[in-house]
Amino acid sequence: MMNVLEQQLAHLVDECRPYTAQGKVADYIPELAHVKDDLLGVAICLPDGSYIHAGDVHHKFTIQSVSKALALCYVLMEFGEDYVFSKVGMEPTGDAFNSIAKLEETVPSKPLNPMINAGALAVTSMILGDTAELKIYQFRQFLATLLGVPVEEVRYNEKVARSEYETTDLNRALLYFMRHHGIVEGDVDEIIDVYTKQCAIEIDCFDLARIGRILSGNGEDPVTGDELIPRRVVRIVKAIMTTCGMYDASGEFAVRVGLPGKSGVSGAILATGKHELGLSDVGFGIFGPALDSKGNSIAGMKLLELLVERYTSR
């Protein structure tokens, strides 16, 4: 049965790979411009923690904005939803992910949701630690717990982090604006340092799929059954992923795919869902660095749409 599923998965990857020609890599981050644009891979983590996979699944890539959903899990676990949502909202926005417009229009002047850059920066500012080094270590430790590996195995790409740090004036502007209005506290450059390293953590499709499986299984480790994320936190994060996780294409994604998902400009897509082939909760990890105009993996979005159509129950 597994061999049949993997063969079908390989056919879907082959069917979707030509879509990469219609997108382009995120060259506004100079280091990401070097990635081959025709890569495409998918891993699906099954209820027991095993995988089926196809395509370029062993290629390492940076997590980018997928980290926003995971940082939200972390701060909700540390501070609770009342505090977190006093600093960032829960509502979707039709604006671009790096827009400053809504900050100027809302009172209090807090970001509409944690999946846009302003909201993600506010969330990152809450990560515990007296220094940037300690803060990124705390986040790496949280990811290591989710992945079931030592923290030393959760590394960030220093070249990508530096590239983002040096080209992120707009994010600095967002932080200065929010600090002026009392939404964030602390040193702007330190928060930027943590945020760019958070986004530059390297993973692969299997890592993404395992995290998706944990979220689809209400926060439990698929192998041990241990609670890694409280059920209430999972419910909140999945709801926000559904409404806000795919930049300003979240509505279209909800219609076409209908699963909680989060994308990153590296071409990563994390999604959770139900599987009909005798299975239950699964996690999807997809990588395809050629992006559409909204910043989502163009072939990855098509691949996930076809997977949902053929194999999953929304």
Protein backbone atom coordinates (compact mmCIF):
# COMPACT_ATOMS: atom_id res chain seq x y z
CA MET A 1 0.00 0.00 0.00
CA MET A 2 2.81 2.42 0.94
CA ASN A 3 4.66 1.79 -2.32
CA VAL A 4 1.48 2.53 -4.26
CA LEU A 5 0.97 5.79 -2.35
CA GLU A 6 4.56 6.87 -2.97
CA GLN A 7 4.24 6.09 -6.67
CA GLN A 8 1.07 8.19 -6.84
CA LEU A 9 2.83 10.96 -4.93
CA ALA A 10 5.75 10.87 -7.35
CA HIS A 11 3.33 11.20 -10.29
CA LEU A 12 1.74 14.27 -8.65
CA VAL A 13 5.15 15.89 -8.16
CA ASP A 14 5.97 15.26 -11.83
CA GLU A 15 2.60 16.71 -12.81
CA CYS A 16 3.17 19.87 -10.76
CA ARG A 17 6.87 20.49 -11.40
CA PRO A 18 6.24 22.37 -14.70
CA TYR A 19 4.39 25.04 -12.68
CA THR A 20 7.76 26.13 -11.27
CA ALA A 21 8.47 27.81 -14.62
CA GLN A 22 5.62 30.26 -13.89
CA GLY A 23 7.15 31.52 -10.62
CA LYS A 24 10.40 33.05 -9.41
CA VAL A 25 12.56 32.68 -6.32
CA ALA A 26 12.56 35.36 -3.62
CA ASP A 27 15.47 37.35 -4.99
CA TYR A 28 14.77 40.36 -2.75
CA ILE A 29 16.63 38.30 -0.13
CA PRO A 30 19.95 37.98 -1.97
CA GLU A 31 20.95 34.58 -0.56
CA LEU A 32 17.61 33.02 -1.57
CA ALA A 33 18.19 34.09 -5.17
CA HIS A 34 20.80 31.32 -5.54
CA VAL A 35 18.33 28.45 -5.03
CA LYS A 36 17.36 26.37 -8.08
CA ASP A 37 13.82 27.36 -9.07
CA ASP A 38 12.69 23.94 -10.36
CA LEU A 39 12.98 22.07 -7.05
CA LEU A 40 9.80 20.47 -5.71
CA GLY A 41 9.28 17.93 -2.94
CA VAL A 42 6.62 16.70 -0.53
CA ALA A 43 6.65 14.58 2.62
CA ILE A 44 3.52 13.40 4.42
CA CYS A 45 3.86 12.39 8.07
CA LEU A 46 1.35 9.65 8.89
CA PRO A 47 -0.41 9.08 12.22
CA ASP A 48 2.29 6.72 13.50
CA GLY A 49 5.11 9.14 12.65
CA SER A 50 6.23 7.34 9.48
CA TYR A 51 6.45 9.12 6.12
CA ILE A 52 5.61 8.85 2.47
CA HIS A 53 7.48 11.24 0.22
CA ALA A 54 8.45 12.20 -3.32
CA GLY A 55 10.63 14.71 -5.13
CA ASP A 56 13.37 16.88 -3.64
CA VAL A 57 12.61 16.10 -0.02
CA HIS A 58 16.21 15.95 1.21
CA HIS A 59 17.02 19.50 0.10
CA LYS A 60 17.52 21.78 3.13
CA PHE A 61 15.83 25.18 3.06
CA THR A 62 15.20 28.00 5.51
CA ILE A 63 11.91 28.01 7.37
CA GLN A 64 11.19 31.73 6.78
CA SER A 65 7.58 32.72 7.60
CA VAL A 66 6.56 29.21 8.66
CA SER A 67 8.42 30.21 11.82
CA LYS A 68 5.66 32.74 12.52
CA ALA A 69 3.19 29.97 13.39
CA LEU A 70 5.75 28.20 15.57
CA ALA A 71 6.80 31.37 17.40
CA LEU A 72 3.11 32.00 18.07
CA CYS A 73 2.84 28.52 19.63
CA TYR A 74 5.86 29.31 21.81
CA VAL A 75 4.65 32.66 23.16
CA LEU A 76 1.11 31.35 23.76
CA MET A 77 2.59 28.54 25.83
CA GLU A 78 4.80 30.96 27.78
CA PHE A 79 2.45 33.92 28.31
CA GLY A 80 -1.12 32.81 27.57
CA GLU A 81 -3.56 34.11 25.01
CA ASP A 82 -4.77 37.17 26.96
CA TYR A 83 -1.32 38.73 27.04
CA VAL A 84 -0.30 37.71 23.52
CA PHE A 85 -3.48 39.03 21.94
CA SER A 86 -3.20 42.29 23.83
CA LYS A 87 -0.18 42.91 21.59
CA VAL A 88 -1.34 41.38 18.30
CA GLY A 89 -4.79 40.75 16.81
CA MET A 90 -6.53 37.73 15.28
CA GLU A 91 -8.08 39.23 12.16
CA PRO A 92 -7.07 38.56 8.53
CA THR A 93 -5.94 41.37 6.27
CA GLY A 94 -6.03 41.73 2.53
CA ASP A 95 -2.85 43.80 2.54
CA ALA A 96 0.61 42.52 1.65
CA PHE A 97 2.47 40.70 4.44
CA ASN A 98 4.93 43.58 4.91
CA SER A 99 2.40 46.43 4.74
CA ILE A 100 2.41 49.20 7.36
CA ALA A 101 -0.98 50.60 6.34
CA LYS A 102 -3.22 48.88 8.89
CA LEU A 103 -0.94 49.85 11.77
CA GLU A 104 -1.76 53.47 11.04
CA GLU A 105 -5.50 52.82 10.74
CA THR A 106 -6.23 50.77 13.87
CA VAL A 107 -6.56 51.84 17.49
CA PRO A 108 -4.74 50.63 19.49
CA SER A 109 -2.04 50.53 16.86
CA LYS A 110 -1.31 46.81 17.06
CA PRO A 111 -0.85 44.37 14.13
CA LEU A 112 -3.99 42.67 12.86
CA ASN A 113 -2.58 39.12 13.13
CA PRO A 114 0.62 37.21 13.94
CA MET A 115 1.18 35.99 10.36
CA ILE A 116 1.96 39.37 8.80
CA ASN A 117 5.44 40.78 9.40
CA ALA A 118 4.36 43.39 11.94
CA GLY A 119 2.53 40.77 14.00
CA ALA A 120 5.36 38.26 13.71
CA LEU A 121 7.86 40.86 14.89
CA ALA A 122 5.66 41.64 17.89
CA VAL A 123 5.52 37.91 18.67
CA THR A 124 9.30 37.51 18.31
CA SER A 125 9.83 40.41 20.71
CA MET A 126 8.12 38.28 23.39
CA ILE A 127 10.53 35.32 23.16
CA LEU A 128 12.27 34.83 26.49
CA GLY A 129 15.93 35.73 27.03
CA ASP A 130 18.08 38.64 28.13
CA THR A 131 20.07 38.68 24.88
CA ALA A 132 19.42 37.93 21.22
CA GLU A 133 21.59 34.81 21.56
CA LEU A 134 19.49 33.47 24.43
CA LYS A 135 16.24 34.28 22.64
CA ILE A 136 17.15 32.41 19.46
CA TYR A 137 18.42 29.51 21.60
CA GLN A 138 15.01 29.32 23.33
CA PHE A 139 13.26 29.18 19.98
CA ARG A 140 15.70 26.56 18.65
CA GLN A 141 15.09 24.51 21.79
CA PHE A 142 11.34 24.64 21.21
CA LEU A 143 11.80 23.47 17.61
CA ALA A 144 14.18 20.72 18.76
CA THR A 145 11.48 19.45 21.13
CA LEU A 146 8.95 19.35 18.30
CA LEU A 147 11.37 17.56 15.97
CA GLY A 148 12.62 15.15 18.63
CA VAL A 149 16.28 16.06 18.12
CA PRO A 150 19.03 17.72 20.19
CA VAL A 151 19.03 21.51 20.02
CA GLU A 152 22.47 21.38 18.34
CA GLU A 153 20.80 19.88 15.27
CA VAL A 154 18.49 22.90 14.87
CA ARG A 155 20.73 25.42 13.12
CA TYR A 156 20.20 28.63 11.22
CA ASN A 157 21.89 29.50 7.94
CA GLU A 158 24.24 32.35 8.86
CA LYS A 159 24.51 33.66 5.28
CA VAL A 160 20.72 33.84 4.87
CA ALA A 161 20.29 35.43 8.31
CA ARG A 162 22.92 38.07 7.51
CA SER A 163 21.40 38.69 4.08
CA GLU A 164 17.97 39.27 5.62
CA TYR A 165 19.37 41.38 8.47
CA GLU A 166 21.05 43.73 6.00
CA THR A 167 17.98 44.13 3.74
CA THR A 168 15.19 44.55 6.27
CA ASP A 169 14.71 48.30 6.62
CA LEU A 170 10.93 47.97 6.30
CA ASN A 171 10.77 45.54 9.22
CA ARG A 172 12.83 47.98 11.27
CA ALA A 173 10.33 50.70 10.37
CA LEU A 174 7.46 48.47 11.52
CA LEU A 175 9.21 47.86 14.83
CA TYR A 176 9.99 51.52 15.45
CA PHE A 177 6.35 52.39 14.73
CA MET A 178 5.09 49.70 17.13
CA ARG A 179 7.60 50.64 19.82
CA HIS A 180 6.46 54.26 19.58
CA HIS A 181 2.89 53.08 20.26
CA GLY A 182 3.86 50.74 23.11
CA ILE A 183 3.15 47.49 21.29
CA VAL A 184 6.71 46.17 21.52
CA GLU A 185 9.54 46.83 23.95
CA GLY A 186 13.29 46.43 23.68
CA ASP A 187 16.05 47.12 21.20
CA VAL A 188 14.91 47.13 17.57
CA ASP A 189 18.16 45.72 16.18
CA GLU A 190 18.10 42.90 18.74
CA ILE A 191 14.56 41.93 17.75
CA ILE A 192 15.56 42.04 14.08
CA ASP A 193 18.57 39.85 14.86
CA VAL A 194 16.37 37.22 16.52
CA TYR A 195 13.71 37.42 13.82
CA THR A 196 16.12 37.01 10.89
CA LYS A 197 17.84 34.06 12.57
CA GLN A 198 14.45 32.55 13.42
CA CYS A 199 13.47 32.76 9.75
CA ALA A 200 16.85 31.36 8.65
CA ILE A 201 16.59 28.08 10.58
CA GLU A 202 17.18 25.21 8.15
CA ILE A 203 14.78 22.29 7.85
CA ASP A 204 13.55 19.83 5.21
CA CYS A 205 10.19 18.45 4.08
CA PHE A 206 10.25 15.71 6.72
CA ASP A 207 10.67 18.27 9.51
CA LEU A 208 7.76 20.33 8.17
CA ALA A 209 5.57 17.25 7.83
CA ARG A 210 6.30 16.14 11.41
CA ILE A 211 5.34 19.55 12.76
CA GLY A 212 2.16 19.43 10.67
CA ARG A 213 1.39 15.98 12.11
CA ILE A 214 1.85 17.30 15.66
CA LEU A 215 -0.59 20.14 14.95
CA SER A 216 -3.12 17.84 13.30
CA GLY A 217 -2.85 15.48 16.29
CA ASN A 218 -3.76 18.18 18.81
CA GLY A 219 -0.18 18.77 19.90
CA GLU A 220 0.84 15.17 20.63
CA ASP A 221 4.09 13.53 19.54
CA PRO A 222 3.04 10.98 16.88
CA VAL A 223 5.51 8.38 18.23
CA THR A 224 5.42 8.77 22.03
CA GLY A 225 1.99 10.36 22.52
CA ASP A 226 3.54 13.03 24.78
CA GLU A 227 1.89 16.46 24.72
CA LEU A 228 4.30 18.86 23.05
CA ILE A 229 1.85 21.73 22.53
CA PRO A 230 -1.34 22.19 24.60
CA ARG A 231 -4.54 21.40 22.73
CA ARG A 232 -5.93 24.91 23.25
CA VAL A 233 -2.80 26.49 21.75
CA VAL A 234 -2.99 24.15 18.75
CA ARG A 235 -6.61 25.11 18.15
CA ILE A 236 -5.79 28.83 18.20
CA VAL A 237 -2.77 28.52 15.94
CA LYS A 238 -4.54 26.31 13.41
CA ALA A 239 -7.45 28.76 13.27
CA ILE A 240 -5.10 31.67 12.56
CA MET A 241 -3.21 29.59 9.98
CA THR A 242 -6.52 28.92 8.23
CA THR A 243 -7.49 32.58 8.00
CA CYS A 244 -4.07 34.26 7.70
CA GLY A 245 -1.38 31.69 6.94
CA MET A 246 -0.91 32.15 3.20
CA TYR A 247 -0.26 35.89 3.04
CA ASP A 248 -2.98 37.78 1.17
CA ALA A 249 -3.92 34.60 -0.73
CA SER A 250 -5.31 33.00 2.43
CA GLY A 251 -8.91 33.24 1.27
CA GLU A 252 -8.17 31.57 -2.05
CA PHE A 253 -6.15 28.88 -0.27
CA ALA A 254 -9.06 28.22 2.09
CA VAL A 255 -11.37 27.72 -0.89
CA ARG A 256 -9.00 25.61 -3.01
CA VAL A 257 -7.33 23.59 -0.26
CA GLY A 258 -9.33 24.16 2.92
CA LEU A 259 -6.60 23.10 5.38
CA PRO A 260 -4.70 25.06 8.01
CA GLY A 261 -1.46 26.06 6.28
CA LYS A 262 1.53 28.38 6.56
CA SER A 263 3.92 29.31 3.81
CA GLY A 264 7.34 30.94 3.66
CA VAL A 265 9.17 32.78 0.90
CA SER A 266 11.78 30.03 0.77
CA GLY A 267 9.04 27.97 -0.91
CA ALA A 268 8.04 26.10 2.25
CA ILE A 269 4.45 25.09 2.95
CA LEU A 270 3.32 23.50 6.22
CA ALA A 271 -0.21 22.07 6.29
CA THR A 272 -2.32 19.77 8.45
CA GLY A 273 -5.19 17.54 7.42
CA LYS A 274 -7.19 14.34 7.49
CA HIS A 275 -6.43 11.42 5.18
CA GLU A 276 -9.11 9.07 3.84
CA LEU A 277 -7.01 6.06 2.85
CA GLY A 278 -7.48 4.27 6.14
CA LEU A 279 -5.57 7.02 7.94
CA SER A 280 -6.46 9.94 10.20
CA ASP A 281 -4.34 12.91 11.17
CA VAL A 282 -1.43 13.75 8.86
CA GLY A 283 1.04 16.56 8.31
CA PHE A 284 2.25 17.89 4.96
CA GLY A 285 5.68 19.37 4.31
CA ILE A 286 6.18 20.87 0.85
CA PHE A 287 9.11 22.71 -0.71
CA GLY A 288 9.10 24.53 -4.03
CA PRO A 289 11.12 27.79 -4.13
CA ALA A 290 9.50 29.29 -7.26
CA LEU A 291 6.90 31.71 -5.86
CA ASP A 292 3.72 33.25 -7.22
CA SER A 293 2.96 36.98 -6.99
CA LYS A 294 1.68 36.59 -3.41
CA GLY A 295 4.87 34.95 -2.15
CA ASN A 296 3.62 31.35 -2.01
CA SER A 297 5.21 28.34 -3.70
CA ILE A 298 3.43 28.19 -7.06
CA ALA A 299 4.01 24.48 -7.69
CA GLY A 300 3.63 23.66 -3.99
CA MET A 301 0.20 25.27 -3.85
CA LYS A 302 -0.91 23.28 -6.90
CA LEU A 303 0.52 20.08 -5.44
CA LEU A 304 -1.31 20.55 -2.15
CA GLU A 305 -4.54 21.37 -4.00
CA LEU A 306 -4.28 18.11 -5.98
CA LEU A 307 -3.42 16.13 -2.85
CA VAL A 308 -6.53 17.44 -1.11
CA GLU A 309 -8.72 16.74 -4.14
CA ARG A 310 -7.55 13.15 -4.46
CA TYR A 311 -6.65 11.92 -1.00
CA THR A 312 -7.84 14.00 1.90
CA SER A 313 -10.95 15.01 3.76
CA ARG A 314 -11.21 18.64 4.75
